[in-house]
């Protein structure tokens, strides 16, 4: 099991490096190549949004699996504790002590299968949050591109040559004026 965990950890670390590089590529803004950035941003938003959805699905599935296991374990441990209390009290005239919810939770919390699945659920929750932040970072880039594009248009409109070109384009669409 230890060798498998070590291999899984190494694979996860390599995957994390690849994901980190893909994220850096997705959120790095090249203001000299705005056209390329604008073309790429929709794909980046879709990609990271899909990764977030995948992580959310994984978290919800693991969370459900954990809750189901925990609930089954609660029933099993309650029955074991009741049977133990009754066996301990057999032959006595007093009634066996009632099993408390706190006792049951303690025994459930000590079960290795429950602990292992809870750790898996925590990891899935962390992965989901990480992917949400990645998707948020790409959305911030999209907003920055929109602002840069608007600023660039304003700056270009101040340039007399650009203004003349836009005027000619407008006139050409109306059917009059100089052709471009």
Protein backbone atom coordinates (compact mmCIF):
# COMPACT_ATOMS: atom_id res chain seq x y z
CA UNK A 1 0.00 0.00 0.00
CA UNK A 2 2.86 2.33 0.82
CA UNK A 3 4.45 1.87 -2.65
CA UNK A 4 1.10 2.54 -4.31
CA UNK A 5 0.61 5.70 -2.25
CA UNK A 6 4.13 6.84 -3.11
CA UNK A 7 3.49 6.26 -6.81
CA UNK A 8 0.12 7.99 -6.61
CA UNK A 9 1.71 10.93 -4.82
CA UNK A 10 4.43 11.22 -7.50
CA UNK A 11 1.79 11.08 -10.26
CA UNK A 12 -0.26 13.71 -8.47
CA UNK A 13 2.80 15.94 -8.14
CA UNK A 14 3.54 15.61 -11.87
CA UNK A 15 -0.11 16.31 -12.66
CA UNK A 16 -0.01 19.34 -10.37
CA UNK A 17 3.06 20.69 -12.20
CA UNK A 18 1.28 20.25 -15.55
CA UNK A 19 -1.89 21.86 -14.21
CA UNK A 20 0.10 24.72 -12.71
CA UNK A 21 1.85 25.37 -16.05
CA UNK A 22 -1.46 25.22 -17.92
CA UNK A 23 -2.89 27.69 -15.41
CA UNK A 24 0.08 30.02 -15.78
CA UNK A 25 -0.41 29.88 -19.55
CA UNK A 26 -4.14 30.52 -19.17
CA UNK A 27 -3.85 33.53 -16.87
CA UNK A 28 -0.72 35.17 -18.26
CA UNK A 29 -1.77 38.21 -20.23
CA UNK A 30 0.23 39.23 -23.28
CA UNK A 31 -1.01 42.77 -23.90
CA UNK A 32 1.01 42.96 -27.13
CA UNK A 33 -0.98 40.07 -28.62
CA UNK A 34 -4.51 41.04 -27.54
CA UNK A 35 -6.13 39.48 -30.60
CA UNK A 36 -4.64 36.07 -29.80
CA UNK A 37 -5.55 36.47 -26.14
CA UNK A 38 -9.14 37.36 -27.02
CA UNK A 39 -9.39 34.31 -29.29
CA UNK A 40 -8.01 32.04 -26.57
CA UNK A 41 -9.93 33.33 -23.54
CA UNK A 42 -13.26 31.65 -24.35
CA UNK A 43 -11.55 28.27 -24.58
CA UNK A 44 -9.69 28.90 -21.31
CA UNK A 45 -12.89 29.92 -19.51
CA UNK A 46 -14.65 26.80 -20.82
CA UNK A 47 -11.73 24.50 -19.97
CA UNK A 48 -11.24 25.70 -16.40
CA UNK A 49 -14.99 25.88 -15.82
CA UNK A 50 -15.25 22.24 -16.91
CA UNK A 51 -12.35 21.26 -14.61
CA UNK A 52 -14.16 22.98 -11.74
CA UNK A 53 -17.37 21.11 -12.57
CA UNK A 54 -15.43 17.82 -12.63
CA UNK A 55 -13.87 18.59 -9.25
CA UNK A 56 -17.27 19.56 -7.81
CA UNK A 57 -18.78 16.29 -9.06
CA UNK A 58 -15.92 14.27 -7.56
CA UNK A 59 -16.30 16.07 -4.23
CA UNK A 60 -20.06 15.51 -4.11
CA UNK A 61 -19.68 11.83 -4.98
CA UNK A 62 -16.98 11.24 -2.35
CA UNK A 63 -18.98 13.23 0.20
CA UNK A 64 -22.03 11.05 -0.50
CA UNK A 65 -19.93 7.90 -0.23
CA UNK A 66 -18.50 9.10 3.08
CA UNK A 67 -21.92 10.00 4.51
CA UNK A 68 -23.32 6.62 3.47
CA UNK A 69 -20.41 4.76 5.07
CA UNK A 70 -20.67 6.88 8.20
CA UNK A 71 -24.40 6.22 8.50
CA UNK A 72 -23.92 2.47 8.07
CA UNK A 73 -21.08 2.53 10.59
CA UNK A 74 -23.32 4.38 13.07
CA UNK A 75 -25.90 1.58 12.84
CA UNK A 76 -23.26 -1.15 13.12
CA UNK A 77 -21.47 0.44 16.07
CA UNK A 78 -24.72 1.20 17.90
CA UNK A 79 -25.72 -2.47 17.59
CA UNK A 80 -22.27 -3.68 18.73
CA UNK A 81 -22.33 -1.36 21.75
CA UNK A 82 -25.88 -2.44 22.67
CA UNK A 83 -24.95 -6.12 22.37
CA UNK A 84 -21.84 -5.55 24.48
CA UNK A 85 -23.82 -3.67 27.15
CA UNK A 86 -26.49 -6.40 27.25
CA UNK A 87 -23.87 -9.17 27.44
CA UNK A 88 -22.09 -7.33 30.24
CA UNK A 89 -25.40 -6.89 32.06
CA UNK A 90 -26.67 -10.46 31.51
CA UNK A 91 -27.93 -12.07 34.69
CA UNK A 92 -28.27 -8.76 36.51
CA UNK A 93 -31.60 -7.40 37.61
CA UNK A 94 -30.87 -3.87 36.42
CA UNK A 95 -31.38 -2.73 32.87
CA UNK A 96 -28.30 -2.33 30.66
CA UNK A 97 -27.00 1.20 30.26
CA UNK A 98 -28.35 2.95 27.15
CA UNK A 99 -25.83 3.62 24.40
CA UNK A 100 -25.41 7.36 23.82
CA UNK A 101 -25.04 9.07 20.46
CA UNK A 102 -21.71 10.44 21.61
CA UNK A 103 -20.38 6.95 22.29
CA UNK A 104 -21.50 5.74 18.89
CA UNK A 105 -19.89 8.73 17.14
CA UNK A 106 -16.65 8.10 19.00
CA UNK A 107 -16.48 4.48 17.87
CA UNK A 108 -17.43 5.42 14.31
CA UNK A 109 -14.75 8.11 14.27
CA UNK A 110 -12.14 5.55 15.31
CA UNK A 111 -12.92 3.19 12.43
CA UNK A 112 -10.14 3.11 9.87
CA UNK A 113 -12.49 2.85 6.88
CA UNK A 114 -14.39 5.94 8.02
CA UNK A 115 -11.19 7.90 8.66
CA UNK A 116 -9.75 6.95 5.27
CA UNK A 117 -12.86 7.99 3.37
CA UNK A 118 -13.10 11.23 5.37
CA UNK A 119 -9.54 12.10 4.31
CA UNK A 120 -10.47 11.36 0.71
CA UNK A 121 -13.49 13.64 1.05
CA UNK A 122 -11.28 16.42 2.43
CA UNK A 123 -8.86 16.04 -0.50
CA UNK A 124 -11.77 16.19 -2.96
CA UNK A 125 -13.07 19.34 -1.26
CA UNK A 126 -9.64 20.96 -1.49
CA UNK A 127 -9.33 20.00 -5.18
CA UNK A 128 -12.76 21.49 -5.85
CA UNK A 129 -11.78 24.75 -4.16
CA UNK A 130 -8.48 24.85 -6.07
CA UNK A 131 -10.29 24.42 -9.39
CA UNK A 132 -12.79 27.11 -8.43
CA UNK A 133 -9.90 29.50 -7.81
CA UNK A 134 -8.34 28.55 -11.15
CA UNK A 135 -11.63 29.24 -12.93
CA UNK A 136 -11.90 32.56 -11.04
CA UNK A 137 -8.37 33.52 -12.14
CA UNK A 138 -9.26 32.93 -15.79
CA UNK A 139 -12.44 34.99 -15.36
CA UNK A 140 -10.31 37.83 -13.97
CA UNK A 141 -8.12 37.60 -17.08
CA UNK A 142 -11.25 37.80 -19.25
CA UNK A 143 -12.28 40.98 -17.44
CA UNK A 144 -8.78 42.41 -17.82
CA UNK A 145 -8.82 41.66 -21.55
CA UNK A 146 -12.12 43.47 -21.92
CA UNK A 147 -10.69 46.50 -20.13
CA UNK A 148 -7.49 46.44 -22.16
CA UNK A 149 -9.44 46.11 -25.38
CA UNK A 150 -11.64 49.08 -24.47
CA UNK A 151 -8.62 51.15 -23.48
CA UNK A 152 -6.84 50.24 -26.69
CA UNK A 153 -9.87 51.26 -28.76
CA UNK A 154 -10.01 54.65 -26.98
CA UNK A 155 -6.29 55.19 -27.57
CA UNK A 156 -6.61 54.21 -31.21
CA UNK A 157 -9.60 56.50 -31.72
CA UNK A 158 -7.44 59.44 -30.59
CA UNK A 159 -5.01 58.68 -33.41
CA UNK A 160 -6.06 60.77 -36.46
CA UNK A 161 -5.11 58.00 -38.92
CA UNK A 162 -7.23 55.46 -37.04
CA UNK A 163 -10.14 57.93 -36.80
CA UNK A 164 -9.94 58.55 -40.54
CA UNK A 165 -9.97 54.79 -41.23
CA UNK A 166 -13.05 54.26 -39.00
CA UNK A 167 -14.82 57.18 -40.70
CA UNK A 168 -14.05 55.71 -44.12
CA UNK A 169 -15.27 52.28 -43.00
CA UNK A 170 -18.53 53.79 -41.73
CA UNK A 171 -19.06 55.72 -44.92
CA UNK A 172 -18.29 52.63 -47.01
CA UNK A 173 -20.93 50.64 -45.11
CA UNK A 174 -23.47 53.38 -45.73
CA UNK A 175 -22.65 53.26 -49.39
CA UNK A 176 -20.93 56.62 -49.67
CA UNK A 177 -17.60 58.25 -49.06
CA UNK A 178 -14.12 57.09 -49.90
CA UNK A 179 -13.43 53.41 -50.33
CA UNK A 180 -10.86 51.87 -48.06
